[in-house]
Protein backbone atom coordinates (compact mmCIF):
# COMPACT_ATOMS: atom_id res chain seq x y z
CA MET A 1 -16.07 74.07 -28.30
CA SER A 2 -13.64 71.78 -30.11
CA HIS A 3 -11.51 69.21 -28.29
CA PRO A 4 -7.85 68.61 -29.14
CA PRO A 5 -7.15 65.27 -30.80
CA ASP A 6 -6.39 62.45 -28.32
CA HIS A 7 -3.02 60.97 -29.12
CA GLY A 8 -2.95 58.70 -26.01
CA VAL A 9 -4.32 55.15 -25.47
CA SER A 10 -7.98 54.89 -24.62
CA ARG A 11 -9.27 52.50 -21.96
CA ARG A 12 -11.06 50.43 -24.58
CA SER A 13 -7.92 50.11 -26.71
CA PHE A 14 -5.88 49.13 -23.69
CA LEU A 15 -8.32 46.35 -22.69
CA LYS A 16 -8.47 45.03 -26.24
CA GLY A 17 -4.70 44.94 -26.42
CA SER A 18 -4.40 43.17 -23.07
CA ALA A 19 -6.88 40.52 -24.16
CA VAL A 20 -5.01 39.85 -27.38
CA VAL A 21 -1.69 39.57 -25.54
CA GLY A 22 -3.23 37.20 -22.96
CA ILE A 23 -4.71 34.94 -25.62
CA ALA A 24 -1.45 34.89 -27.53
CA SER A 25 0.53 34.04 -24.38
CA THR A 26 -1.86 31.22 -23.53
CA GLY A 27 -1.56 29.83 -27.03
CA ILE A 28 2.24 29.96 -26.89
CA THR A 29 2.32 28.25 -23.49
CA ALA A 30 -0.03 25.49 -24.65
CA ALA A 31 1.96 24.99 -27.82
CA THR A 32 5.18 24.78 -25.81
CA LYS A 33 3.73 22.16 -23.47
CA ALA A 34 2.36 20.16 -26.39
CA ALA A 35 5.74 20.21 -28.07
CA ALA A 36 7.43 19.08 -24.85
CA GLY A 37 5.07 16.08 -24.54
CA PRO A 38 3.91 14.36 -21.35
CA PRO A 39 6.24 14.30 -18.32
CA VAL A 40 8.79 11.54 -18.49
CA PRO A 41 8.54 9.12 -15.53
CA GLU A 42 11.63 8.45 -13.48
CA SER A 43 13.47 5.46 -14.87
CA PHE A 44 15.96 3.10 -13.29
CA GLY A 45 18.67 1.21 -15.07
CA PRO A 46 19.87 -2.33 -14.41
CA GLY A 47 21.52 -3.24 -11.15
CA GLU A 48 20.59 -2.52 -7.55
CA HIS A 49 19.07 0.71 -6.26
CA GLU A 50 18.85 1.84 -2.65
CA ILE A 51 15.33 2.58 -1.44
CA THR A 52 13.73 3.30 1.92
CA LEU A 53 10.76 1.25 3.10
CA LEU A 54 8.66 2.04 6.16
CA VAL A 55 8.19 -1.37 7.79
CA ASN A 56 6.47 -1.84 11.15
CA GLY A 57 6.99 1.82 12.00
CA LYS A 58 10.69 1.96 11.14
CA ASN A 59 12.45 3.24 8.02
CA LYS A 60 14.71 0.61 6.52
CA LEU A 61 17.28 1.13 3.76
CA VAL A 62 17.41 -1.75 1.34
CA LYS A 63 19.10 -2.39 -1.99
CA VAL A 64 16.91 -4.03 -4.62
CA GLU A 65 16.72 -4.53 -8.35
CA THR A 66 13.74 -3.11 -10.17
CA ARG A 67 12.32 -6.63 -10.57
CA THR A 68 12.59 -7.53 -6.86
CA THR A 69 9.22 -8.25 -5.30
CA LEU A 70 8.25 -6.86 -1.93
CA LEU A 71 8.15 -10.43 -0.61
CA ASP A 72 11.74 -11.12 -1.66
CA ALA A 73 12.88 -7.78 -0.26
CA LEU A 74 11.30 -8.56 3.10
CA ARG A 75 12.60 -12.11 3.32
CA ASP A 76 16.01 -11.89 1.63
CA ARG A 77 17.09 -8.30 2.31
CA MET A 78 15.48 -7.49 5.67
CA ASP A 79 15.31 -10.94 7.28
CA LEU A 80 11.56 -10.59 7.86
CA THR A 81 10.59 -14.16 7.02
CA GLY A 82 7.10 -14.19 8.50
CA ALA A 83 5.46 -13.70 5.10
CA LYS A 84 5.75 -17.07 3.37
CA LYS A 85 6.72 -17.70 -0.25
CA ILE A 86 4.37 -20.51 -1.16
CA CYS A 87 2.64 -20.21 -4.54
CA ASP A 88 4.50 -17.02 -5.59
CA ARG A 89 1.59 -16.03 -7.84
CA GLY A 90 -0.96 -14.40 -5.53
CA ALA A 91 -3.21 -17.45 -5.20
CA CYS A 92 -2.68 -18.61 -1.61
CA GLY A 93 -2.36 -15.50 0.58
CA GLY A 94 0.60 -16.89 2.53
CA CYS A 95 2.62 -13.75 1.80
CA THR A 96 -0.05 -11.27 2.89
CA VAL A 97 1.18 -8.03 4.45
CA LEU A 98 -0.66 -4.78 5.10
CA VAL A 99 0.10 -1.91 2.73
CA ASP A 100 -1.44 1.30 4.08
CA GLY A 101 -3.80 -0.93 6.05
CA SER A 102 -4.95 -3.07 3.12
CA PRO A 103 -4.06 -6.78 2.90
CA THR A 104 -1.76 -7.27 -0.09
CA ASN A 105 -0.04 -10.23 -1.70
CA SER A 106 3.58 -9.15 -1.36
CA CYS A 107 4.65 -11.62 -4.06
CA LEU A 108 2.72 -9.56 -6.61
CA MET A 109 4.05 -6.13 -5.59
CA LEU A 110 7.43 -4.72 -6.56
CA ALA A 111 9.52 -3.47 -3.67
CA MET A 112 10.06 -0.16 -5.45
CA ASP A 113 6.29 0.34 -5.67
CA ALA A 114 6.11 0.11 -1.88
CA VAL A 115 8.21 3.26 -1.38
CA GLY A 116 6.10 5.90 0.35
CA THR A 117 3.64 3.39 1.84
CA GLU A 118 3.27 2.07 5.38
CA LEU A 119 4.05 -1.64 5.55
CA ARG A 120 3.07 -3.99 8.36
CA THR A 121 4.18 -7.59 8.65
CA VAL A 122 3.37 -10.29 11.17
CA GLU A 123 6.64 -9.48 12.98
CA GLY A 124 5.16 -6.09 13.91
CA LEU A 125 2.40 -7.72 15.99
CA SER A 126 4.66 -8.76 18.85
CA ASN A 127 7.45 -7.27 20.92
CA GLY A 128 9.15 -9.91 23.02
CA ASP A 129 6.52 -11.46 25.26
CA ASP A 130 4.05 -8.67 24.44
CA ALA A 131 1.84 -10.02 21.64
CA HIS A 132 -1.27 -8.73 19.89
CA PRO A 133 -4.44 -10.31 21.37
CA LEU A 134 -5.20 -11.91 18.01
CA LEU A 135 -1.96 -13.91 18.18
CA GLU A 136 -2.89 -15.11 21.65
CA ASN A 137 -6.32 -16.11 20.43
CA PHE A 138 -4.89 -18.00 17.47
CA VAL A 139 -3.07 -20.15 20.03
CA LYS A 140 -6.03 -20.32 22.41
CA CYS A 141 -8.41 -21.41 19.64
CA ASP A 142 -5.88 -23.79 18.05
CA ALA A 143 -6.22 -21.86 14.78
CA LEU A 144 -2.89 -23.04 13.39
CA GLN A 145 -1.52 -26.44 12.49
CA CYS A 146 1.30 -26.68 9.94
CA GLY A 147 1.78 -22.90 10.21
CA PHE A 148 2.56 -22.09 6.59
CA CYS A 149 -0.63 -20.10 6.01
CA THR A 150 -0.72 -18.63 9.52
CA PRO A 151 1.22 -15.35 9.04
CA GLY A 152 -0.85 -14.37 5.99
CA MET A 153 -4.05 -15.51 7.71
CA VAL A 154 -3.18 -13.40 10.76
CA MET A 155 -2.56 -10.28 8.67
CA SER A 156 -5.85 -10.66 6.78
CA SER A 157 -7.58 -11.20 10.13
CA ILE A 158 -6.00 -8.03 11.54
CA ALA A 159 -7.23 -6.08 8.51
CA CYS A 160 -10.71 -7.54 9.00
CA LEU A 161 -10.79 -6.47 12.66
CA GLU A 162 -9.44 -2.99 11.99
CA LYS A 163 -11.88 -2.44 9.15
CA ARG A 164 -15.04 -3.85 10.72
CA GLY A 165 -14.59 -3.79 14.50
CA LYS A 166 -16.89 -6.72 15.23
CA PRO A 167 -17.20 -8.57 11.92
CA SER A 168 -20.01 -11.01 11.23
CA PRO A 169 -19.20 -14.58 10.09
CA ASP A 170 -20.07 -13.60 6.51
CA GLU A 171 -17.72 -10.61 6.69
CA MET A 172 -14.96 -12.82 8.08
CA ARG A 173 -15.42 -15.31 5.26
CA GLN A 174 -15.30 -12.49 2.73
CA ASP A 175 -12.13 -10.95 4.16
CA LEU A 176 -10.36 -14.31 4.46
CA SER A 177 -11.38 -15.54 1.01
CA GLY A 178 -7.92 -14.87 -0.41
CA ASN A 179 -6.15 -17.03 2.18
CA LEU A 180 -5.93 -20.80 1.71
CA CYS A 181 -5.38 -23.29 4.55
CA ARG A 182 -4.64 -26.89 3.60
CA CYS A 183 -5.23 -27.97 7.21
CA GLY A 184 -8.78 -26.57 7.09
CA THR A 185 -8.70 -24.45 10.25
CA TYR A 186 -10.98 -21.74 8.87
CA GLY A 187 -13.58 -22.21 11.60
CA ARG A 188 -10.98 -21.83 14.34
CA VAL A 189 -9.51 -18.76 12.66
CA MET A 190 -12.94 -17.18 12.64
CA GLU A 191 -13.35 -18.14 16.30
CA ALA A 192 -10.06 -16.37 17.09
CA ILE A 193 -11.21 -13.25 15.23
CA GLY A 194 -14.54 -13.24 17.07
CA ARG A 195 -12.87 -13.75 20.42
CA THR A 196 -10.49 -10.84 19.74
CA ALA A 197 -13.33 -8.59 18.59
CA ASN A 198 -15.17 -9.28 21.85
CA GLY A 199 -12.15 -8.45 23.99
CA GLY A 200 -11.13 -11.99 24.94
CA ASN A 201 -7.46 -12.96 24.93
CA LYS A 202 -7.04 -15.23 27.94
């Protein structure tokens, strides 16, 4: 028995056609993306720009130029002068703040790069007469003299405690290696860290 000629589209022909169309579409899309080039990063012109920084749990609006460091933004625009501008080149640690929990030289970070991060400064460790135990132990152990290095030293010490719980002397030395103290109170700083780690603050 003879069969009438099939003038429709067979399953095999349909699948072949779909594959060709898919490959062609992929090629066109890739070519379009290649022609467009990589995504262009957001750019900022000269002058001041308003940004929001999360500092000590509060959002703060601040106007800065693109070249403004985080340290200058904190000190000059937000009146948070705890972080000290000493060497201004990341060598002394006097400007240390915590950025997402990590000790950071704020003189080496642009304020605009801090957008979207959680910032903590030494001012955030006290509220009136209510102070973090580490601050009390710095006083108890006489771990500060001239005071210039103290805010940065405190913030690196906080990071050490939060990271390690009960750090060993070697771990303390490692975590404080970026903070310089001309008065030489390193031993007393480590004593204050140890006392805080063991729950002492009186």
